[in-house]
Amino acid sequence: TREALVDAGRSLVDVLRDDLGLTGTKVNCRLGECG
């Protein structure tokens, strides 16, 4: 169980990487095209 305060417009990938430190999830296109 994890808790955070987040801006309503933040993406799940940003919370996982930036807030929870789980950097295995990568970021590339930010358009849902690359996976």
All heavy atoms as atom14 arrays in JSON, in Angstrom:
{
  "sequence": "TREALVDAGRSLVDVLRDDLGLTGTKVNCRLGECG",
  "atom14_mask": [
    [1, 1, 1, 1, 1, 1, 1, 0, 0, 0, 0, 0, 0, 0],
    [1, 1, 1, 1, 1, 1, 1, 1, 1, 1, 1, 0, 0, 0],
    [1, 1, 1, 1, 1, 1, 1, 1, 1, 0, 0, 0, 0, 0],
    [1, 1, 1, 1, 1, 0, 0, 0, 0, 0, 0, 0, 0, 0],
    [1, 1, 1, 1, 1, 1, 1, 1, 0, 0, 0, 0, 0, 0],
    [1, 1, 1, 1, 1, 1, 1, 0, 0, 0, 0, 0, 0, 0],
    [1, 1, 1, 1, 1, 1, 1, 1, 0, 0, 0, 0, 0, 0],
    [1, 1, 1, 1, 1, 0, 0, 0, 0, 0, 0, 0, 0, 0],
    [1, 1, 1, 1, 0, 0, 0, 0, 0, 0, 0, 0, 0, 0],
    [1, 1, 1, 1, 1, 1, 1, 1, 1, 1, 1, 0, 0, 0],
    [1, 1, 1, 1, 1, 1, 0, 0, 0, 0, 0, 0, 0, 0],
    [1, 1, 1, 1, 1, 1, 1, 1, 0, 0, 0, 0, 0, 0],
    [1, 1, 1, 1, 1, 1, 1, 0, 0, 0, 0, 0, 0, 0],
    [1, 1, 1, 1, 1, 1, 1, 1, 0, 0, 0, 0, 0, 0],
    [1, 1, 1, 1, 1, 1, 1, 0, 0, 0, 0, 0, 0, 0],
    [1, 1, 1, 1, 1, 1, 1, 1, 0, 0, 0, 0, 0, 0],
    [1, 1, 1, 1, 1, 1, 1, 1, 1, 1, 1, 0, 0, 0],
    [1, 1, 1, 1, 1, 1, 1, 1, 0, 0, 0, 0, 0, 0],
    [1, 1, 1, 1, 1, 1, 1, 1, 0, 0, 0, 0, 0, 0],
    [1, 1, 1, 1, 1, 1, 1, 1, 0, 0, 0, 0, 0, 0],
    [1, 1, 1, 1, 0, 0, 0, 0, 0, 0, 0, 0, 0, 0],
    [1, 1, 1, 1, 1, 1, 1, 1, 0, 0, 0, 0, 0, 0],
    [1, 1, 1, 1, 1, 1, 1, 0, 0, 0, 0, 0, 0, 0],
    [1, 1, 1, 1, 0, 0, 0, 0, 0, 0, 0, 0, 0, 0],
    [1, 1, 1, 1, 1, 1, 1, 0, 0, 0, 0, 0, 0, 0],
    [1, 1, 1, 1, 1, 1, 1, 1, 1, 0, 0, 0, 0, 0],
    [1, 1, 1, 1, 1, 1, 1, 0, 0, 0, 0, 0, 0, 0],
    [1, 1, 1, 1, 1, 1, 1, 1, 0, 0, 0, 0, 0, 0],
    [1, 1, 1, 1, 1, 1, 0, 0, 0, 0, 0, 0, 0, 0],
    [1, 1, 1, 1, 1, 1, 1, 1, 1, 1, 1, 0, 0, 0],
    [1, 1, 1, 1, 1, 1, 1, 1, 0, 0, 0, 0, 0, 0],
    [1, 1, 1, 1, 0, 0, 0, 0, 0, 0, 0, 0, 0, 0],
    [1, 1, 1, 1, 1, 1, 1, 1, 1, 0, 0, 0, 0, 0],
    [1, 1, 1, 1, 1, 1, 0, 0, 0, 0, 0, 0, 0, 0],
    [1, 1, 1, 1, 0, 0, 0, 0, 0, 0, 0, 0, 0, 0]
  ],
  "atom14_positions": [
    [[0.84, -1.2, 0.0], [0.0, 0.0, 0.0], [0.87, 1.24, 0.0], [1.8, 1.36, 0.81], [-0.95, 0.02, 1.22], [-1.76, -1.15, 1.17], [-1.82, 1.25, 1.21], [0.0, 0.0, 0.0], [0.0, 0.0, 0.0], [0.0, 0.0, 0.0], [0.0, 0.0, 0.0], [0.0, 0.0, 0.0], [0.0, 0.0, 0.0], [0.0, 0.0, 0.0]],
    [[0.58, 2.14, -0.92], [1.32, 3.38, -1.05], [0.34, 4.54, -1.04], [-0.78, 4.42, -1.56], [2.12, 3.41, -2.36], [3.05, 2.22, -2.57], [4.2, 2.13, -1.58], [5.12, 3.23, -1.67], [6.27, 3.22, -2.33], [6.65, 2.12, -2.96], [7.04, 4.28, -2.35], [0.0, 0.0, 0.0], [0.0, 0.0, 0.0], [0.0, 0.0, 0.0]],
    [[0.77, 5.66, -0.48], [-0.07, 6.85, -0.43], [0.72, 8.05, -0.89], [1.95, 8.12, -0.7], [-0.58, 7.08, 1.0], [-1.51, 5.99, 1.48], [-2.03, 6.24, 2.9], [-1.61, 7.21, 3.53], [-2.85, 5.43, 3.35], [0.0, 0.0, 0.0], [0.0, 0.0, 0.0], [0.0, 0.0, 0.0], [0.0, 0.0, 0.0], [0.0, 0.0, 0.0]],
    [[0.02, 9.0, -1.51], [0.66, 10.23, -1.97], [-0.42, 11.28, -2.16], [-1.61, 10.97, -2.25], [1.39, 9.98, -3.28], [0.0, 0.0, 0.0], [0.0, 0.0, 0.0], [0.0, 0.0, 0.0], [0.0, 0.0, 0.0], [0.0, 0.0, 0.0], [0.0, 0.0, 0.0], [0.0, 0.0, 0.0], [0.0, 0.0, 0.0], [0.0, 0.0, 0.0]],
    [[0.0, 12.52, -2.2], [-0.87, 13.62, -2.6], [-0.46, 13.99, -4.01], [0.72, 14.25, -4.27], [-0.7, 14.82, -1.66], [-1.3, 14.68, -0.28], [-0.95, 15.9, 0.58], [-2.81, 14.51, -0.36], [0.0, 0.0, 0.0], [0.0, 0.0, 0.0], [0.0, 0.0, 0.0], [0.0, 0.0, 0.0], [0.0, 0.0, 0.0], [0.0, 0.0, 0.0]],
    [[-1.41, 13.97, -4.93], [-1.08, 14.2, -6.33], [-1.99, 15.23, -6.96], [-3.16, 15.37, -6.59], [-1.14, 12.9, -7.15], [-0.15, 11.87, -6.62], [-2.53, 12.32, -7.18], [0.0, 0.0, 0.0], [0.0, 0.0, 0.0], [0.0, 0.0, 0.0], [0.0, 0.0, 0.0], [0.0, 0.0, 0.0], [0.0, 0.0, 0.0], [0.0, 0.0, 0.0]],
    [[-1.45, 15.93, -7.91], [-2.22, 16.83, -8.74], [-3.17, 15.99, -9.58], [-2.78, 14.93, -10.09], [-1.26, 17.62, -9.64], [-1.98, 18.64, -10.49], [-2.61, 18.21, -11.48], [-1.9, 19.83, -10.17], [0.0, 0.0, 0.0], [0.0, 0.0, 0.0], [0.0, 0.0, 0.0], [0.0, 0.0, 0.0], [0.0, 0.0, 0.0], [0.0, 0.0, 0.0]],
    [[-4.39, 16.42, -9.75], [-5.4, 15.65, -10.47], [-4.98, 15.32, -11.9], [-5.43, 14.32, -12.46], [-6.73, 16.4, -10.48], [0.0, 0.0, 0.0], [0.0, 0.0, 0.0], [0.0, 0.0, 0.0], [0.0, 0.0, 0.0], [0.0, 0.0, 0.0], [0.0, 0.0, 0.0], [0.0, 0.0, 0.0], [0.0, 0.0, 0.0], [0.0, 0.0, 0.0]],
    [[-4.12, 16.1, -12.5], [-3.72, 15.88, -13.87], [-2.45, 15.09, -14.07], [-2.02, 14.87, -15.19], [0.0, 0.0, 0.0], [0.0, 0.0, 0.0], [0.0, 0.0, 0.0], [0.0, 0.0, 0.0], [0.0, 0.0, 0.0], [0.0, 0.0, 0.0], [0.0, 0.0, 0.0], [0.0, 0.0, 0.0], [0.0, 0.0, 0.0], [0.0, 0.0, 0.0]],
    [[-1.84, 14.6, -12.98], [-0.59, 13.84, -13.11], [-0.82, 12.43, -13.6], [-1.77, 11.75, -13.19], [0.15, 13.78, -11.78], [0.9, 15.07, -11.55], [1.85, 15.07, -10.43], [3.06, 14.31, -10.69], [3.73, 13.7, -9.74], [3.32, 13.71, -8.49], [4.84, 13.05, -10.03], [0.0, 0.0, 0.0], [0.0, 0.0, 0.0], [0.0, 0.0, 0.0]],
    [[0.09, 11.98, -14.42], [-0.02, 10.62, -14.95], [0.48, 9.61, -13.94], [1.3, 9.91, -13.07], [0.78, 10.49, -16.25], [2.16, 10.59, -15.97], [0.0, 0.0, 0.0], [0.0, 0.0, 0.0], [0.0, 0.0, 0.0], [0.0, 0.0, 0.0], [0.0, 0.0, 0.0], [0.0, 0.0, 0.0], [0.0, 0.0, 0.0], [0.0, 0.0, 0.0]],
    [[0.01, 8.4, -14.1], [0.44, 7.3, -13.23], [1.93, 7.05, -13.38], [2.62, 6.81, -12.39], [-0.36, 6.04, -13.55], [-0.04, 4.79, -12.74], [-0.2, 5.03, -11.25], [-0.91, 3.62, -13.2], [0.0, 0.0, 0.0], [0.0, 0.0, 0.0], [0.0, 0.0, 0.0], [0.0, 0.0, 0.0], [0.0, 0.0, 0.0], [0.0, 0.0, 0.0]],
    [[2.46, 7.14, -14.6], [3.89, 6.9, -14.8], [4.73, 7.91, -14.03], [5.75, 7.56, -13.45], [4.28, 6.85, -16.29], [4.27, 8.22, -16.94], [5.63, 6.18, -16.46], [0.0, 0.0, 0.0], [0.0, 0.0, 0.0], [0.0, 0.0, 0.0], [0.0, 0.0, 0.0], [0.0, 0.0, 0.0], [0.0, 0.0, 0.0], [0.0, 0.0, 0.0]],
    [[4.3, 9.16, -13.97], [5.06, 10.17, -13.24], [5.04, 9.89, -11.74], [6.05, 10.05, -11.06], [4.53, 11.57, -13.54], [4.89, 12.03, -14.94], [5.87, 11.52, -15.51], [4.16, 12.89, -15.48], [0.0, 0.0, 0.0], [0.0, 0.0, 0.0], [0.0, 0.0, 0.0], [0.0, 0.0, 0.0], [0.0, 0.0, 0.0], [0.0, 0.0, 0.0]],
    [[3.9, 9.49, -11.22], [3.82, 9.17, -9.78], [4.67, 7.95, -9.47], [5.42, 7.94, -8.48], [2.34, 8.97, -9.34], [2.26, 8.4, -7.93], [1.58, 10.29, -9.44], [0.0, 0.0, 0.0], [0.0, 0.0, 0.0], [0.0, 0.0, 0.0], [0.0, 0.0, 0.0], [0.0, 0.0, 0.0], [0.0, 0.0, 0.0], [0.0, 0.0, 0.0]],
    [[4.59, 6.92, -10.31], [5.4, 5.71, -10.07], [6.89, 6.04, -10.07], [7.62, 5.63, -9.17], [5.11, 4.65, -11.13], [3.73, 4.0, -11.08], [3.5, 3.14, -12.32], [3.56, 3.19, -9.8], [0.0, 0.0, 0.0], [0.0, 0.0, 0.0], [0.0, 0.0, 0.0], [0.0, 0.0, 0.0], [0.0, 0.0, 0.0], [0.0, 0.0, 0.0]],
    [[7.33, 6.78, -11.06], [8.76, 7.07, -11.2], [9.23, 8.13, -10.21], [10.22, 7.94, -9.51], [9.07, 7.51, -12.63], [8.95, 6.39, -13.65], [9.27, 6.88, -15.06], [10.59, 7.46, -15.15], [11.71, 6.77, -15.3], [11.67, 5.44, -15.4], [12.88, 7.37, -15.38], [0.0, 0.0, 0.0], [0.0, 0.0, 0.0], [0.0, 0.0, 0.0]],
    [[8.55, 9.27, -10.19], [9.03, 10.43, -9.43], [8.7, 10.36, -7.94], [9.53, 10.74, -7.12], [8.48, 11.72, -10.01], [8.88, 11.93, -11.46], [9.88, 11.33, -11.91], [8.18, 12.7, -12.16], [0.0, 0.0, 0.0], [0.0, 0.0, 0.0], [0.0, 0.0, 0.0], [0.0, 0.0, 0.0], [0.0, 0.0, 0.0], [0.0, 0.0, 0.0]],
    [[7.51, 9.91, -7.61], [7.09, 9.9, -6.2], [7.44, 8.59, -5.5], [7.78, 8.59, -4.32], [5.59, 10.15, -6.08], [5.17, 11.5, -6.62], [6.03, 12.29, -7.05], [3.95, 11.77, -6.62], [0.0, 0.0, 0.0], [0.0, 0.0, 0.0], [0.0, 0.0, 0.0], [0.0, 0.0, 0.0], [0.0, 0.0, 0.0], [0.0, 0.0, 0.0]],
    [[7.32, 7.48, -6.23], [7.53, 6.17, -5.6], [8.89, 5.55, -5.94], [9.24, 4.49, -5.42], [6.4, 5.21, -5.98], [4.98, 5.71, -5.65], [3.94, 4.67, -6.04], [4.86, 6.09, -4.18], [0.0, 0.0, 0.0], [0.0, 0.0, 0.0], [0.0, 0.0, 0.0], [0.0, 0.0, 0.0], [0.0, 0.0, 0.0], [0.0, 0.0, 0.0]],
    [[9.63, 6.17, -6.83], [10.98, 5.7, -7.15], [11.04, 4.41, -7.95], [12.07, 3.74, -7.96], [0.0, 0.0, 0.0], [0.0, 0.0, 0.0], [0.0, 0.0, 0.0], [0.0, 0.0, 0.0], [0.0, 0.0, 0.0], [0.0, 0.0, 0.0], [0.0, 0.0, 0.0], [0.0, 0.0, 0.0], [0.0, 0.0, 0.0], [0.0, 0.0, 0.0]],
    [[9.97, 4.06, -8.62], [9.92, 2.82, -9.4], [10.25, 3.15, -10.86], [9.37, 3.35, -11.69], [8.55, 2.16, -9.27], [8.22, 1.74, -7.84], [6.76, 1.32, -7.72], [9.14, 0.63, -7.39], [0.0, 0.0, 0.0], [0.0, 0.0, 0.0], [0.0, 0.0, 0.0], [0.0, 0.0, 0.0], [0.0, 0.0, 0.0], [0.0, 0.0, 0.0]],
    [[11.52, 3.2, -11.17], [11.97, 3.66, -12.47], [12.06, 2.56, -13.53], [12.49, 2.82, -14.65], [13.34, 4.36, -12.34], [14.26, 3.42, -11.76], [13.23, 5.6, -11.48], [0.0, 0.0, 0.0], [0.0, 0.0, 0.0], [0.0, 0.0, 0.0], [0.0, 0.0, 0.0], [0.0, 0.0, 0.0], [0.0, 0.0, 0.0], [0.0, 0.0, 0.0]],
    [[11.63, 1.35, -13.2], [11.59, 0.28, -14.2], [10.56, 0.57, -15.27], [10.7, 0.14, -16.41], [0.0, 0.0, 0.0], [0.0, 0.0, 0.0], [0.0, 0.0, 0.0], [0.0, 0.0, 0.0], [0.0, 0.0, 0.0], [0.0, 0.0, 0.0], [0.0, 0.0, 0.0], [0.0, 0.0, 0.0], [0.0, 0.0, 0.0], [0.0, 0.0, 0.0]],
    [[9.53, 1.31, -14.92], [8.53, 1.74, -15.9], [9.14, 2.91, -16.65], [9.49, 3.92, -16.06], [7.23, 2.17, -15.19], [6.76, 1.07, -14.4], [6.17, 2.55, -16.2], [0.0, 0.0, 0.0], [0.0, 0.0, 0.0], [0.0, 0.0, 0.0], [0.0, 0.0, 0.0], [0.0, 0.0, 0.0], [0.0, 0.0, 0.0], [0.0, 0.0, 0.0]],
    [[9.27, 2.76, -17.96], [9.94, 3.76, -18.77], [8.97, 4.79, -19.32], [7.77, 4.57, -19.38], [10.7, 3.1, -19.93], [11.68, 2.04, -19.49], [12.71, 2.58, -18.53], [13.69, 1.52, -18.11], [14.3, 1.81, -16.84], [0.0, 0.0, 0.0], [0.0, 0.0, 0.0], [0.0, 0.0, 0.0], [0.0, 0.0, 0.0], [0.0, 0.0, 0.0]],
    [[9.53, 5.93, -19.75], [8.75, 7.0, -20.37], [9.39, 7.31, -21.71], [10.6, 7.48, -21.79], [8.74, 8.28, -19.5], [7.94, 9.37, -20.17], [8.19, 7.99, -18.12], [0.0, 0.0, 0.0], [0.0, 0.0, 0.0], [0.0, 0.0, 0.0], [0.0, 0.0, 0.0], [0.0, 0.0, 0.0], [0.0, 0.0, 0.0], [0.0, 0.0, 0.0]],
    [[8.56, 7.39, -22.75], [9.1, 7.72, -24.05], [8.17, 8.69, -24.78], [8.41, 9.87, -24.77], [9.34, 6.46, -24.88], [10.08, 6.72, -26.16], [11.0, 7.53, -26.2], [9.67, 6.06, -27.22], [0.0, 0.0, 0.0], [0.0, 0.0, 0.0], [0.0, 0.0, 0.0], [0.0, 0.0, 0.0], [0.0, 0.0, 0.0], [0.0, 0.0, 0.0]],
    [[7.11, 8.18, -25.37], [6.3, 9.02, -26.26], [5.26, 9.88, -25.54], [4.85, 10.9, -26.06], [5.6, 8.15, -27.3], [4.25, 7.14, -26.64], [0.0, 0.0, 0.0], [0.0, 0.0, 0.0], [0.0, 0.0, 0.0], [0.0, 0.0, 0.0], [0.0, 0.0, 0.0], [0.0, 0.0, 0.0], [0.0, 0.0, 0.0], [0.0, 0.0, 0.0]],
    [[4.82, 9.44, -24.38], [3.74, 10.1, -23.63], [2.44, 10.23, -24.44], [1.6, 11.06, -24.16], [4.17, 11.47, -23.11], [5.23, 11.37, -22.03], [5.34, 12.66, -21.25], [6.32, 12.55, -20.2], [6.05, 12.15, -18.96], [4.83, 11.81, -18.62], [7.01, 12.09, -18.06], [0.0, 0.0, 0.0], [0.0, 0.0, 0.0], [0.0, 0.0, 0.0]],
    [[2.31, 9.36, -25.45], [1.11, 9.36, -26.29], [0.42, 8.0, -26.31], [-0.54, 7.81, -27.02], [1.48, 9.74, -27.73], [2.08, 11.12, -27.94], [2.6, 11.26, -29.36], [1.06, 12.19, -27.63], [0.0, 0.0, 0.0], [0.0, 0.0, 0.0], [0.0, 0.0, 0.0], [0.0, 0.0, 0.0], [0.0, 0.0, 0.0], [0.0, 0.0, 0.0]],
    [[0.95, 7.03, -25.56], [0.37, 5.69, -25.54], [0.64, 4.9, -26.8], [-0.07, 3.93, -27.08], [0.0, 0.0, 0.0], [0.0, 0.0, 0.0], [0.0, 0.0, 0.0], [0.0, 0.0, 0.0], [0.0, 0.0, 0.0], [0.0, 0.0, 0.0], [0.0, 0.0, 0.0], [0.0, 0.0, 0.0], [0.0, 0.0, 0.0], [0.0, 0.0, 0.0]],
    [[1.65, 5.28, -27.54], [1.93, 4.6, -28.81], [3.07, 3.6, -28.73], [3.16, 2.71, -29.57], [2.23, 5.64, -29.89], [1.03, 6.48, -30.22], [1.31, 7.52, -31.29], [2.44, 7.58, -31.78], [0.38, 8.27, -31.6], [0.0, 0.0, 0.0], [0.0, 0.0, 0.0], [0.0, 0.0, 0.0], [0.0, 0.0, 0.0], [0.0, 0.0, 0.0]],
    [[3.97, 3.73, -27.75], [5.17, 2.89, -27.76], [5.11, 1.74, -26.75], [5.78, 0.73, -26.93], [6.41, 3.73, -27.53], [6.55, 4.39, -25.85], [0.0, 0.0, 0.0], [0.0, 0.0, 0.0], [0.0, 0.0, 0.0], [0.0, 0.0, 0.0], [0.0, 0.0, 0.0], [0.0, 0.0, 0.0], [0.0, 0.0, 0.0], [0.0, 0.0, 0.0]],
    [[4.37, 1.88, -25.68], [4.24, 0.81, -24.7], [5.33, 0.73, -23.65], [5.3, -0.16, -22.8], [0.0, 0.0, 0.0], [0.0, 0.0, 0.0], [0.0, 0.0, 0.0], [0.0, 0.0, 0.0], [0.0, 0.0, 0.0], [0.0, 0.0, 0.0], [0.0, 0.0, 0.0], [0.0, 0.0, 0.0], [0.0, 0.0, 0.0], [0.0, 0.0, 0.0]]
  ]
}
